[in-house]
Amino acid sequence: MSALAVILGLSGPKLTAAERVFFRDANPWGFILFSRNVETPEQVYRLTEELREAVGRNCLIFIDQEGGRVQRLRPPHWRSFPPGAAFQYLYSMEEPLGKRAAYLSYRLIADDLRNVGITADCAPVLDLPQKSADPIISDRAFGNKTAPIIDIANAAMAGLMCGGVAPVIKHIPGHGRATVDSHKELPKIKTSRQTLERTDFIPFRALSDAPMAMTAHAVYECSSRSAVTVSKKSMTELVRAAIGFNGLVMSDDLDMKALKGGLKRKTERALAAGCDIALQCSGKLPDMVNVAKGAKLLDGRAEGRALIAEHCADHIKPFDRASVEREFDELISLVPELKPTAERLAG
């Protein structure tokens, strides 16, 4: 039976009896974990095993593990990783340094994730931040020029895939101009299509072969008056045509305040607009029931894209973790403000 075109969260560090029954019956395509679901490596591994048992297949399990402010696996059980700005700093010193550090960082992240059964990472960030923008992106970005973002993001994506973790580029078609945080309200980007084509869209176009992309909950007024996540016009004109992305598109979290209305309707609108998968993260069972009511089964091109994304987590290239950590720490020690966080942590 085809999976439901959703990725869902869950309430805590253990799967409840009610969640187990709901997930068995709803059969979501994947799951996403947050800090509330994380205690120890052993606990997370048991949890991911239980989630796969609930749906009866080896589904993708997602997490946000970028480094910096956005990492759900943290000390003392996992090491810290630097924000994207650290790689841009090294890239500005010497391009190969920035690319190598990004690759090593995300190869280590992939190892951490696979060791606990997590097989997809909502990273790397391809947004091109502007000075006037809300700080929600800021140091998460790989710089404020397209060339470093492209090179560093390619290295990051390679690090994840070499570790058997499927990457999700975000936030397509670009969140760097948003002057408000879409967790709280809806950004409206007034920039012309011509300017966006020359700037924000470029990194996404360069990585358009990525297996998955996450939408930006933002209005692009050059295309539509609705957020791209729920706008068929923006999804078609900007994401699929202007950028040329043909991989799986998943919505950003439907719980975010940028989108109005109930979760059933939000789910219907996102899937009707052209998102292949609807993402909903609260972990609250009544919310998930409403999402399931608005969802549909994966089929057609969306199902094909989902299958390709799953295959991107099939293969792991062996590596020597100790030597990779030594090389990575040496590179990160060159970034002055990050010297304290480059210490090796038990994990």
C-alpha atoms as a PDB file:
ATOM      1  CA  MET A   1       0.000   0.000   0.000  1.00  0.00           C
ATOM      2  CA  SER A   2       1.269   3.496  -0.811  1.00  0.00           C
ATOM      3  CA  ALA A   3       2.303   5.711   2.067  1.00  0.00           C
ATOM      4  CA  LEU A   4       0.420   8.841   3.078  1.00  0.00           C
ATOM      5  CA  ALA A   5       2.095  11.969   1.641  1.00  0.00           C
ATOM      6  CA  VAL A   6       3.123  13.362   5.030  1.00  0.00           C
ATOM      7  CA  ILE A   7       6.052  13.522   7.424  1.00  0.00           C
ATOM      8  CA  LEU A   8       4.949  13.627  11.065  1.00  0.00           C
ATOM      9  CA  GLY A   9       6.503  14.334  14.436  1.00  0.00           C
ATOM     10  CA  LEU A  10       5.798  12.557  17.706  1.00  0.00           C
ATOM     11  CA  SER A  11       5.262  13.666  21.268  1.00  0.00           C
ATOM     12  CA  GLY A  12       8.263  12.481  23.263  1.00  0.00           C
ATOM     13  CA  PRO A  13      11.259  10.162  23.650  1.00  0.00           C
ATOM     14  CA  LYS A  14       9.094   7.026  23.530  1.00  0.00           C
ATOM     15  CA  LEU A  15       6.393   5.972  21.126  1.00  0.00           C
ATOM     16  CA  THR A  16       3.035   5.935  22.926  1.00  0.00           C
ATOM     17  CA  ALA A  17       0.505   3.171  22.404  1.00  0.00           C
ATOM     18  CA  ALA A  18      -1.870   5.620  20.705  1.00  0.00           C
ATOM     19  CA  GLU A  19       0.876   6.876  18.375  1.00  0.00           C
ATOM     20  CA  ARG A  20       1.833   3.332  17.466  1.00  0.00           C
ATOM     21  CA  VAL A  21      -1.722   2.493  16.425  1.00  0.00           C
ATOM     22  CA  PHE A  22      -2.193   5.788  14.567  1.00  0.00           C
ATOM     23  CA  PHE A  23       1.070   5.474  12.646  1.00  0.00           C
ATOM     24  CA  ARG A  24       0.246   1.877  11.732  1.00  0.00           C
ATOM     25  CA  ASP A  25      -3.121   2.917  10.317  1.00  0.00           C
ATOM     26  CA  ALA A  26      -2.131   6.257   8.740  1.00  0.00           C
ATOM     27  CA  ASN A  27       1.175   4.974   7.300  1.00  0.00           C
ATOM     28  CA  PRO A  28       2.975   8.338   6.939  1.00  0.00           C
ATOM     29  CA  TRP A  29       5.817   8.415   4.415  1.00  0.00           C
ATOM     30  CA  GLY A  30       8.316   9.535   7.065  1.00  0.00           C
ATOM     31  CA  PHE A  31       8.906  10.967  10.521  1.00  0.00           C
ATOM     32  CA  ILE A  32      10.817  13.906  11.965  1.00  0.00           C
ATOM     33  CA  LEU A  33      12.520  14.114  15.362  1.00  0.00           C
ATOM     34  CA  PHE A  34      13.062  17.139  17.594  1.00  0.00           C
ATOM     35  CA  SER A  35      14.858  17.826  20.874  1.00  0.00           C
ATOM     36  CA  ARG A  36      11.813  16.573  22.777  1.00  0.00           C
ATOM     37  CA  ASN A  37      12.417  13.148  21.224  1.00  0.00           C
ATOM     38  CA  VAL A  38      16.110  12.973  22.098  1.00  0.00           C
ATOM     39  CA  GLU A  39      17.742  11.766  25.322  1.00  0.00           C
ATOM     40  CA  THR A  40      20.603   9.312  24.662  1.00  0.00           C
ATOM     41  CA  PRO A  41      21.966   7.503  21.589  1.00  0.00           C
ATOM     42  CA  GLU A  42      20.532   4.207  22.801  1.00  0.00           C
ATOM     43  CA  GLN A  43      17.096   5.758  23.351  1.00  0.00           C
ATOM     44  CA  VAL A  44      17.027   7.446  19.915  1.00  0.00           C
ATOM     45  CA  TYR A  45      18.051   4.206  18.216  1.00  0.00           C
ATOM     46  CA  ARG A  46      15.226   2.324  19.969  1.00  0.00           C
ATOM     47  CA  LEU A  47      12.790   5.064  18.968  1.00  0.00           C
ATOM     48  CA  THR A  48      13.710   4.968  15.283  1.00  0.00           C
ATOM     49  CA  GLU A  49      13.404   1.181  15.322  1.00  0.00           C
ATOM     50  CA  GLU A  50       9.921   1.467  16.864  1.00  0.00           C
ATOM     51  CA  LEU A  51       8.826   4.019  14.263  1.00  0.00           C
ATOM     52  CA  ARG A  52       9.854   1.734  11.414  1.00  0.00           C
ATOM     53  CA  GLU A  53       8.143  -1.219  13.082  1.00  0.00           C
ATOM     54  CA  ALA A  54       4.950   0.841  13.385  1.00  0.00           C
ATOM     55  CA  VAL A  55       4.729   1.401   9.613  1.00  0.00           C
ATOM     56  CA  GLY A  56       6.296  -1.920   8.680  1.00  0.00           C
ATOM     57  CA  ARG A  57       9.014  -0.574   6.388  1.00  0.00           C
ATOM     58  CA  ASN A  58      12.384   1.155   6.298  1.00  0.00           C
ATOM     59  CA  CYS A  59      11.035   4.699   6.041  1.00  0.00           C
ATOM     60  CA  LEU A  60      13.114   7.864   6.088  1.00  0.00           C
ATOM     61  CA  ILE A  61      13.428   9.529   9.503  1.00  0.00           C
ATOM     62  CA  PHE A  62      14.333  13.231   9.394  1.00  0.00           C
ATOM     63  CA  ILE A  63      15.929  15.712  11.761  1.00  0.00           C
ATOM     64  CA  ASP A  64      17.242  19.289  11.627  1.00  0.00           C
ATOM     65  CA  GLN A  65      20.988  18.941  12.215  1.00  0.00           C
ATOM     66  CA  GLU A  66      22.672  21.894  10.535  1.00  0.00           C
ATOM     67  CA  GLY A  67      25.114  22.917  13.261  1.00  0.00           C
ATOM     68  CA  GLY A  68      25.172  26.180  15.192  1.00  0.00           C
ATOM     69  CA  ARG A  69      21.738  27.203  16.475  1.00  0.00           C
ATOM     70  CA  VAL A  70      19.966  24.395  14.655  1.00  0.00           C
ATOM     71  CA  GLN A  71      21.008  20.980  15.922  1.00  0.00           C
ATOM     72  CA  ARG A  72      18.790  18.554  17.800  1.00  0.00           C
ATOM     73  CA  LEU A  73      21.545  16.108  18.780  1.00  0.00           C
ATOM     74  CA  ARG A  74      23.743  17.973  21.251  1.00  0.00           C
ATOM     75  CA  PRO A  75      26.370  17.455  23.974  1.00  0.00           C
ATOM     76  CA  PRO A  76      27.023  15.579  26.146  1.00  0.00           C
ATOM     77  CA  HIS A  77      26.107  12.627  23.912  1.00  0.00           C
ATOM     78  CA  TRP A  78      26.950  14.245  20.566  1.00  0.00           C
ATOM     79  CA  ARG A  79      29.533  16.818  19.578  1.00  0.00           C
ATOM     80  CA  SER A  80      28.627  20.362  18.586  1.00  0.00           C
ATOM     81  CA  PHE A  81      29.034  21.549  15.013  1.00  0.00           C
ATOM     82  CA  PRO A  82      29.624  25.113  13.818  1.00  0.00           C
ATOM     83  CA  PRO A  83      27.092  27.242  11.935  1.00  0.00           C
ATOM     84  CA  GLY A  84      27.288  27.711   8.193  1.00  0.00           C
ATOM     85  CA  ALA A  85      29.114  31.032   8.590  1.00  0.00           C
ATOM     86  CA  ALA A  86      32.212  29.163   9.805  1.00  0.00           C
ATOM     87  CA  PHE A  87      32.644  27.497   6.430  1.00  0.00           C
ATOM     88  CA  GLN A  88      32.231  30.814   4.651  1.00  0.00           C
ATOM     89  CA  TYR A  89      35.016  32.236   6.853  1.00  0.00           C
ATOM     90  CA  LEU A  90      37.366  29.429   5.830  1.00  0.00           C
ATOM     91  CA  TYR A  91      36.254  29.718   2.210  1.00  0.00           C
ATOM     92  CA  SER A  92      37.192  33.410   2.264  1.00  0.00           C
ATOM     93  CA  MET A  93      40.683  32.413   3.453  1.00  0.00           C
ATOM     94  CA  GLU A  94      41.078  29.710   0.828  1.00  0.00           C
ATOM     95  CA  GLU A  95      38.224  28.101  -1.088  1.00  0.00           C
ATOM     96  CA  PRO A  96      39.335  24.461  -0.616  1.00  0.00           C
ATOM     97  CA  LEU A  97      39.460  24.964   3.167  1.00  0.00           C
ATOM     98  CA  GLY A  98      35.820  25.993   3.351  1.00  0.00           C
ATOM     99  CA  LYS A  99      34.639  23.187   1.108  1.00  0.00           C
ATOM    100  CA  ARG A 100      36.698  20.555   2.916  1.00  0.00           C
ATOM    101  CA  ALA A 101      35.524  21.684   6.359  1.00  0.00           C
ATOM    102  CA  ALA A 102      31.893  21.584   5.219  1.00  0.00           C
ATOM    103  CA  TYR A 103      32.306  18.104   3.779  1.00  0.00           C
ATOM    104  CA  LEU A 104      33.943  16.814   6.965  1.00  0.00           C
ATOM    105  CA  SER A 105      31.350  18.450   9.202  1.00  0.00           C
ATOM    106  CA  TYR A 106      28.429  16.915   7.370  1.00  0.00           C
ATOM    107  CA  ARG A 107      30.184  13.550   7.036  1.00  0.00           C
ATOM    108  CA  LEU A 108      30.492  13.507  10.832  1.00  0.00           C
ATOM    109  CA  ILE A 109      26.883  14.631  11.199  1.00  0.00           C
ATOM    110  CA  ALA A 110      25.824  11.793   8.889  1.00  0.00           C
ATOM    111  CA  ASP A 111      27.720   9.312  11.041  1.00  0.00           C
ATOM    112  CA  ASP A 112      25.990  10.606  14.168  1.00  0.00           C
ATOM    113  CA  LEU A 113      22.592  10.339  12.505  1.00  0.00           C
ATOM    114  CA  ARG A 114      23.001   6.888  10.978  1.00  0.00           C
ATOM    115  CA  ASN A 115      24.280   5.501  14.262  1.00  0.00           C
ATOM    116  CA  VAL A 116      20.876   6.241  15.810  1.00  0.00           C
ATOM    117  CA  GLY A 117      18.759   5.291  12.797  1.00  0.00           C
ATOM    118  CA  ILE A 118      18.158   8.782  11.344  1.00  0.00           C
ATOM    119  CA  THR A 119      18.459   8.757   7.562  1.00  0.00           C
ATOM    120  CA  ALA A 120      17.535  12.268   6.338  1.00  0.00           C
ATOM    121  CA  ASP A 121      18.785  15.708   7.358  1.00  0.00           C
ATOM    122  CA  CYS A 122      16.949  18.983   6.682  1.00  0.00           C
ATOM    123  CA  ALA A 123      20.151  20.604   5.444  1.00  0.00           C
ATOM    124  CA  PRO A 124      22.000  22.303   3.816  1.00  0.00           C
ATOM    125  CA  VAL A 125      20.650  25.870   3.879  1.00  0.00           C
ATOM    126  CA  LEU A 126      20.925  27.611   0.482  1.00  0.00           C
ATOM    127  CA  ASP A 127      19.330  30.906   1.469  1.00  0.00           C
ATOM    128  CA  LEU A 128      21.084  34.128   0.462  1.00  0.00           C
ATOM    129  CA  PRO A 129      20.674  36.493   3.446  1.00  0.00           C
ATOM    130  CA  GLN A 130      20.221  40.242   2.992  1.00  0.00           C
ATOM    131  CA  LYS A 131      21.203  42.964   5.472  1.00  0.00           C
ATOM    132  CA  SER A 132      17.592  44.045   5.961  1.00  0.00           C
ATOM    133  CA  ALA A 133      16.316  40.518   6.616  1.00  0.00           C
ATOM    134  CA  ASP A 134      15.072  38.955   9.830  1.00  0.00           C
ATOM    135  CA  PRO A 135      17.935  37.151  11.665  1.00  0.00           C
ATOM    136  CA  ILE A 136      16.221  33.752  11.431  1.00  0.00           C
ATOM    137  CA  ILE A 137      18.730  32.763   8.695  1.00  0.00           C
ATOM    138  CA  SER A 138      21.812  34.966   9.412  1.00  0.00           C
ATOM    139  CA  ASP A 139      24.776  32.729  10.412  1.00  0.00           C
ATOM    140  CA  ARG A 140      22.992  29.571   9.270  1.00  0.00           C
ATOM    141  CA  ALA A 141      23.799  30.640   5.686  1.00  0.00           C
ATOM    142  CA  PHE A 142      27.043  29.805   3.896  1.00  0.00           C
ATOM    143  CA  GLY A 143      27.663  33.455   3.135  1.00  0.00           C
ATOM    144  CA  ASN A 144      26.006  36.346   1.323  1.00  0.00           C
ATOM    145  CA  LYS A 145      27.335  35.566  -2.152  1.00  0.00           C
ATOM    146  CA  THR A 146      26.140  32.831  -4.450  1.00  0.00           C
ATOM    147  CA  ALA A 147      29.482  31.200  -5.303  1.00  0.00           C
ATOM    148  CA  PRO A 148      30.452  30.261  -1.716  1.00  0.00           C
ATOM    149  CA  ILE A 149      26.918  29.072  -0.985  1.00  0.00           C
ATOM    150  CA  ILE A 150      26.950  26.773  -4.006  1.00  0.00           C
ATOM    151  CA  ASP A 151      30.414  25.333  -3.353  1.00  0.00           C
ATOM    152  CA  ILE A 152      29.930  24.842   0.384  1.00  0.00           C
ATOM    153  CA  ALA A 153      26.415  23.424   0.009  1.00  0.00           C
ATOM    154  CA  ASN A 154      27.637  20.928  -2.587  1.00  0.00           C
ATOM    155  CA  ALA A 155      30.336  19.794  -0.173  1.00  0.00           C
ATOM    156  CA  ALA A 156      27.831  19.527   2.674  1.00  0.00           C
ATOM    157  CA  MET A 157      25.418  17.510   0.541  1.00  0.00           C
ATOM    158  CA  ALA A 158      28.250  15.171  -0.492  1.00  0.00           C
ATOM    159  CA  GLY A 159      29.211  14.651   3.156  1.00  0.00           C
ATOM    160  CA  LEU A 160      25.671  13.642   4.066  1.00  0.00           C
ATOM    161  CA  MET A 161      25.197  11.301   1.125  1.00  0.00           C
ATOM    162  CA  CYS A 162      28.574   9.608   1.639  1.00  0.00           C
ATOM    163  CA  GLY A 163      27.323   8.842   5.144  1.00  0.00           C
ATOM    164  CA  GLY A 164      24.049   7.361   3.951  1.00  0.00           C
ATOM    165  CA  VAL A 165      21.890  10.358   4.862  1.00  0.00           C
ATOM    166  CA  ALA A 166      19.544  11.992   2.347  1.00  0.00           C
ATOM    167  CA  PRO A 167      19.872  15.808   2.250  1.00  0.00           C
ATOM    168  CA  VAL A 168      17.056  18.365   2.043  1.00  0.00           C
ATOM    169  CA  ILE A 169      18.045  21.738   0.553  1.00  0.00           C
ATOM    170  CA  LYS A 170      16.140  24.673   2.027  1.00  0.00           C
ATOM    171  CA  HIS A 171      14.247  26.974   1.898  1.00  0.00           C
ATOM    172  CA  ILE A 172      13.288  26.916  -1.783  1.00  0.00           C
ATOM    173  CA  PRO A 173      13.035  29.331  -3.650  1.00  0.00           C
ATOM    174  CA  GLY A 174      14.906  31.413  -1.029  1.00  0.00           C
ATOM    175  CA  HIS A 175      14.216  32.770   2.467  1.00  0.00           C
ATOM    176  CA  GLY A 176      17.097  35.243   2.655  1.00  0.00           C
ATOM    177  CA  ARG A 177      14.999  38.365   1.980  1.00  0.00           C
ATOM    178  CA  ALA A 178      12.294  37.634   4.550  1.00  0.00           C
ATOM    179  CA  THR A 179      11.973  40.575   6.941  1.00  0.00           C
ATOM    180  CA  VAL A 180       9.906  38.565   9.431  1.00  0.00           C
ATOM    181  CA  ASP A 181      10.305  35.082  10.902  1.00  0.00           C
ATOM    182  CA  SER A 182       7.888  32.712   9.166  1.00  0.00           C
ATOM    183  CA  HIS A 183       7.498  30.792  12.431  1.00  0.00           C
ATOM    184  CA  LYS A 184       5.591  33.886  13.619  1.00  0.00           C
ATOM    185  CA  GLU A 185       4.106  35.581  10.552  1.00  0.00           C
ATOM    186  CA  LEU A 186       4.053  35.492   6.748  1.00  0.00           C
ATOM    187  CA  PRO A 187       7.004  37.158   4.977  1.00  0.00           C
ATOM    188  CA  LYS A 188       6.184  39.057   1.791  1.00  0.00           C
ATOM    189  CA  ILE A 189       9.028  39.404  -0.678  1.00  0.00           C
ATOM    190  CA  LYS A 190       8.485  42.267  -3.110  1.00  0.00           C
ATOM    191  CA  THR A 191      11.724  41.779  -5.072  1.00  0.00           C
ATOM    192  CA  SER A 192      11.363  41.549  -8.857  1.00  0.00           C
ATOM    193  CA  ARG A 193      11.568  38.233 -10.671  1.00  0.00           C
ATOM    194  CA  GLN A 194      14.593  39.515 -12.618  1.00  0.00           C
ATOM    195  CA  THR A 195      16.523  40.264  -9.413  1.00  0.00           C
ATOM    196  CA  LEU A 196      15.578  36.936  -7.835  1.00  0.00           C
ATOM    197  CA  GLU A 197      16.756  35.124 -10.983  1.00  0.00           C
ATOM    198  CA  ARG A 198      20.161  36.809 -10.633  1.00  0.00           C
ATOM    199  CA  THR A 199      20.517  36.221  -6.887  1.00  0.00           C
ATOM    200  CA  ASP A 200      18.351  34.075  -4.597  1.00  0.00           C
ATOM    201  CA  PHE A 201      17.443  31.441  -7.180  1.00  0.00           C
ATOM    202  CA  ILE A 202      21.028  30.775  -8.281  1.00  0.00           C
ATOM    203  CA  PRO A 203      22.116  28.421  -5.443  1.00  0.00           C
ATOM    204  CA  PHE A 204      18.911  26.395  -5.755  1.00  0.00           C
ATOM    205  CA  ARG A 205      19.316  26.173  -9.522  1.00  0.00           C
ATOM    206  CA  ALA A 206      22.921  25.007  -9.090  1.00  0.00           C
ATOM    207  CA  LEU A 207      21.794  22.248  -6.691  1.00  0.00           C
ATOM    208  CA  SER A 208      18.594  21.403  -8.535  1.00  0.00           C
ATOM    209  CA  ASP A 209      19.692  17.766  -8.674  1.00  0.00           C
ATOM    210  CA  ALA A 210      19.266  17.439  -4.889  1.00  0.00           C
ATOM    211  CA  PRO A 211      16.849  14.642  -3.936  1.00  0.00           C
ATOM    212  CA  MET A 212      14.660  16.839  -1.727  1.00  0.00           C
ATOM    213  CA  ALA A 213      13.892  20.490  -1.054  1.00  0.00           C
ATOM    214  CA  MET A 214      11.899  22.229   1.692  1.00  0.00           C
ATOM    215  CA  THR A 215       9.730  25.219   0.851  1.00  0.00           C
ATOM    216  CA  ALA A 216       9.924  28.708   2.283  1.00  0.00           C
ATOM    217  CA  HIS A 217       6.654  29.864   3.829  1.00  0.00           C
ATOM    218  CA  ALA A 218       6.858  33.227   2.067  1.00  0.00           C
ATOM    219  CA  VAL A 219       4.957  35.179  -0.542  1.00  0.00           C
ATOM    220  CA  TYR A 220       6.877  36.024  -3.717  1.00  0.00           C
ATOM    221  CA  GLU A 221       4.822  38.898  -5.062  1.00  0.00           C
ATOM    222  CA  CYS A 222       6.362  38.607  -8.521  1.00  0.00           C
ATOM    223  CA  SER A 223       4.387  35.370  -8.848  1.00  0.00           C
ATOM    224  CA  SER A 224       1.504  35.137  -6.378  1.00  0.00           C
ATOM    225  CA  ARG A 225      -0.218  36.686  -3.369  1.00  0.00           C
ATOM    226  CA  SER A 226      -0.107  33.356  -1.503  1.00  0.00           C
ATOM    227  CA  ALA A 227       2.818  31.677   0.247  1.00  0.00           C
ATOM    228  CA  VAL A 228       4.779  29.512  -2.171  1.00  0.00           C
ATOM    229  CA  THR A 229       3.950  26.401  -0.090  1.00  0.00           C
ATOM    230  CA  VAL A 230       0.258  26.752  -0.939  1.00  0.00           C
ATOM    231  CA  SER A 231       0.535  28.505  -4.318  1.00  0.00           C
ATOM    232  CA  LYS A 232       0.345  26.306  -7.408  1.00  0.00           C
ATOM    233  CA  LYS A 233       1.424  29.304  -9.495  1.00  0.00           C
ATOM    234  CA  SER A 234       4.610  29.896  -7.468  1.00  0.00           C
ATOM    235  CA  MET A 235       5.394  26.206  -7.204  1.00  0.00           C
ATOM    236  CA  THR A 236       5.061  25.850 -10.970  1.00  0.00           C
ATOM    237  CA  GLU A 237       6.637  29.132 -12.119  1.00  0.00           C
ATOM    238  CA  LEU A 238       9.411  29.528  -9.542  1.00  0.00           C
ATOM    239  CA  VAL A 239      10.317  26.153  -8.033  1.00  0.00           C
ATOM    240  CA  ARG A 240       9.782  23.848 -11.000  1.00  0.00           C
ATOM    241  CA  ALA A 241      10.367  26.215 -13.960  1.00  0.00           C
ATOM    242  CA  ALA A 242      12.676  29.088 -12.969  1.00  0.00           C
ATOM    243  CA  ILE A 243      14.828  26.971 -10.655  1.00  0.00           C
ATOM    244  CA  GLY A 244      14.315  23.711 -12.507  1.00  0.00           C
ATOM    245  CA  PHE A 245      13.972  21.593  -9.394  1.00  0.00           C
ATOM    246  CA  ASN A 246      12.495  18.188 -10.162  1.00  0.00           C
ATOM    247  CA  GLY A 247      13.148  16.385  -6.892  1.00  0.00           C
ATOM    248  CA  LEU A 248      10.777  15.822  -4.010  1.00  0.00           C
ATOM    249  CA  VAL A 249       9.369  19.038  -2.525  1.00  0.00           C
ATOM    250  CA  MET A 250       8.286  18.950   1.092  1.00  0.00           C
ATOM    251  CA  SER A 251       6.557  21.811   2.829  1.00  0.00           C
ATOM    252  CA  ASP A 252       8.101  23.557   5.782  1.00  0.00           C
ATOM    253  CA  ASP A 253       6.246  22.839   9.026  1.00  0.00           C
ATOM    254  CA  LEU A 254       2.521  23.432   8.585  1.00  0.00           C
ATOM    255  CA  ASP A 255       2.283  24.517  12.235  1.00  0.00           C
ATOM    256  CA  MET A 256       4.191  27.730  11.508  1.00  0.00           C
ATOM    257  CA  LYS A 257       2.169  30.921  11.882  1.00  0.00           C
ATOM    258  CA  ALA A 258       2.962  32.058   8.328  1.00  0.00           C
ATOM    259  CA  LEU A 259       0.138  29.826   7.099  1.00  0.00           C
ATOM    260  CA  LYS A 260      -3.411  30.494   8.227  1.00  0.00           C
ATOM    261  CA  GLY A 261      -6.273  28.060   8.746  1.00  0.00           C
ATOM    262  CA  GLY A 262      -6.718  24.583  10.156  1.00  0.00           C
ATOM    263  CA  LEU A 263      -4.244  21.788   9.599  1.00  0.00           C
ATOM    264  CA  LYS A 264      -6.584  19.756   7.410  1.00  0.00           C
ATOM    265  CA  ARG A 265      -6.990  22.685   5.030  1.00  0.00           C
ATOM    266  CA  LYS A 266      -3.285  23.599   5.135  1.00  0.00           C
ATOM    267  CA  THR A 267      -2.414  20.025   4.181  1.00  0.00           C
ATOM    268  CA  GLU A 268      -4.905  20.010   1.313  1.00  0.00           C
ATOM    269  CA  ARG A 269      -3.622  23.337  -0.007  1.00  0.00           C
ATOM    270  CA  ALA A 270       0.077  22.368   0.191  1.00  0.00           C
ATOM    271  CA  LEU A 271      -0.451  19.104  -1.676  1.00  0.00           C
ATOM    272  CA  ALA A 272      -2.770  20.708  -4.223  1.00  0.00           C
ATOM    273  CA  ALA A 273      -0.200  23.452  -4.869  1.00  0.00           C
ATOM    274  CA  GLY A 274       2.436  20.911  -5.850  1.00  0.00           C
ATOM    275  CA  CYS A 275       4.219  19.909  -2.661  1.00  0.00           C
ATOM    276  CA  ASP A 276       4.872  16.176  -2.834  1.00  0.00           C
ATOM    277  CA  ILE A 277       4.916  15.834   0.958  1.00  0.00           C
ATOM    278  CA  ALA A 278       3.319  17.839   3.776  1.00  0.00           C
ATOM    279  CA  LEU A 279       5.438  18.265   6.918  1.00  0.00           C
ATOM    280  CA  GLN A 280       3.756  18.684  10.311  1.00  0.00           C
ATOM    281  CA  CYS A 281       5.885  18.681  13.418  1.00  0.00           C
ATOM    282  CA  SER A 282       3.938  19.295  16.643  1.00  0.00           C
ATOM    283  CA  GLY A 283       3.740  15.646  17.657  1.00  0.00           C
ATOM    284  CA  LYS A 284       0.215  16.238  19.001  1.00  0.00           C
ATOM    285  CA  LEU A 285      -2.063  13.378  18.056  1.00  0.00           C
ATOM    286  CA  PRO A 286      -5.206  15.472  17.335  1.00  0.00           C
ATOM    287  CA  ASP A 287      -3.099  17.646  14.996  1.00  0.00           C
ATOM    288  CA  MET A 288      -1.753  14.600  13.181  1.00  0.00           C
ATOM    289  CA  VAL A 289      -5.257  13.216  12.755  1.00  0.00           C
ATOM    290  CA  ASN A 290      -6.312  16.460  11.061  1.00  0.00           C
ATOM    291  CA  VAL A 291      -3.266  16.360   8.789  1.00  0.00           C
ATOM    292  CA  ALA A 292      -4.067  12.771   7.822  1.00  0.00           C
ATOM    293  CA  LYS A 293      -7.622  13.825   6.967  1.00  0.00           C
ATOM    294  CA  GLY A 294      -6.294  16.429   4.543  1.00  0.00           C
ATOM    295  CA  ALA A 295      -3.591  14.254   3.006  1.00  0.00           C
ATOM    296  CA  LYS A 296      -3.588  11.810   0.110  1.00  0.00           C
ATOM    297  CA  LEU A 297      -1.615   8.731  -0.799  1.00  0.00           C
ATOM    298  CA  LEU A 298       1.662   9.137  -2.631  1.00  0.00           C
ATOM    299  CA  ASP A 299       1.237   8.353  -6.291  1.00  0.00           C
ATOM    300  CA  GLY A 300       2.487   9.269  -9.743  1.00  0.00           C
ATOM    301  CA  ARG A 301       5.514  11.540 -10.002  1.00  0.00           C
ATOM    302  CA  ALA A 302       5.456  12.299  -6.273  1.00  0.00           C
ATOM    303  CA  GLU A 303       5.820   8.618  -5.469  1.00  0.00           C
ATOM    304  CA  GLY A 304       8.706   8.322  -7.925  1.00  0.00           C
ATOM    305  CA  ARG A 305      10.477  11.292  -6.349  1.00  0.00           C
ATOM    306  CA  ALA A 306       9.960   9.777  -2.906  1.00  0.00           C
ATOM    307  CA  LEU A 307      11.534   6.515  -4.048  1.00  0.00           C
ATOM    308  CA  ILE A 308      14.616   8.349  -5.383  1.00  0.00           C
ATOM    309  CA  ALA A 309      14.946  10.231  -2.088  1.00  0.00           C
ATOM    310  CA  GLU A 310      14.822   6.956  -0.165  1.00  0.00           C
ATOM    311  CA  HIS A 311      17.562   5.471  -2.358  1.00  0.00           C
ATOM    312  CA  CYS A 312      19.841   8.404  -1.447  1.00  0.00           C
ATOM    313  CA  ALA A 313      20.142   6.911   2.044  1.00  0.00           C
ATOM    314  CA  ASP A 314      21.035   3.421   0.818  1.00  0.00           C
ATOM    315  CA  HIS A 315      24.823   3.581   0.607  1.00  0.00           C
ATOM    316  CA  ILE A 316      27.504   4.440   3.162  1.00  0.00           C
ATOM    317  CA  LYS A 317      31.140   4.958   2.275  1.00  0.00           C
ATOM    318  CA  PRO A 318      33.457   3.720   5.054  1.00  0.00           C
ATOM    319  CA  PHE A 319      35.588   6.302   6.853  1.00  0.00           C
ATOM    320  CA  ASP A 320      37.920   6.617   9.833  1.00  0.00           C
ATOM    321  CA  ARG A 321      36.012   8.802  12.274  1.00  0.00           C
ATOM    322  CA  ALA A 322      39.001   9.577  14.508  1.00  0.00           C
ATOM    323  CA  SER A 323      41.129  10.875  11.644  1.00  0.00           C
ATOM    324  CA  VAL A 324      38.201  12.857  10.184  1.00  0.00           C
ATOM    325  CA  GLU A 325      37.580  14.501  13.560  1.00  0.00           C
ATOM    326  CA  ARG A 326      41.242  15.439  13.893  1.00  0.00           C
ATOM    327  CA  GLU A 327      41.312  17.044  10.449  1.00  0.00           C
ATOM    328  CA  PHE A 328      37.989  18.805  11.037  1.00  0.00           C
ATOM    329  CA  ASP A 329      39.074  20.220  14.412  1.00  0.00           C
ATOM    330  CA  GLU A 330      42.287  21.534  12.898  1.00  0.00           C
ATOM    331  CA  LEU A 331      40.340  23.370  10.208  1.00  0.00           C
ATOM    332  CA  ILE A 332      37.727  24.786  12.583  1.00  0.00           C
ATOM    333  CA  SER A 333      40.438  26.006  14.963  1.00  0.00           C
ATOM    334  CA  LEU A 334      41.362  28.505  12.226  1.00  0.00           C
ATOM    335  CA  VAL A 335      38.057  30.308  12.855  1.00  0.00           C
ATOM    336  CA  PRO A 336      38.822  32.469  15.918  1.00  0.00           C
ATOM    337  CA  GLU A 337      35.330  32.808  17.357  1.00  0.00           C
ATOM    338  CA  LEU A 338      34.752  29.053  17.078  1.00  0.00           C
ATOM    339  CA  LYS A 339      37.888  27.811  18.815  1.00  0.00           C
ATOM    340  CA  PRO A 340      36.020  26.906  22.039  1.00  0.00           C
ATOM    341  CA  THR A 341      33.432  24.820  20.157  1.00  0.00           C
ATOM    342  CA  ALA A 342      36.024  22.864  18.191  1.00  0.00           C
ATOM    343  CA  GLU A 343      36.943  20.772  21.203  1.00  0.00           C
ATOM    344  CA  ARG A 344      36.176  17.108  20.763  1.00  0.00           C
ATOM    345  CA  LEU A 345      33.171  16.031  22.812  1.00  0.00           C
ATOM    346  CA  ALA A 346      32.360  12.547  24.003  1.00  0.00           C
ATOM    347  CA  GLY A 347      29.685  10.921  21.905  1.00  0.00           C
END
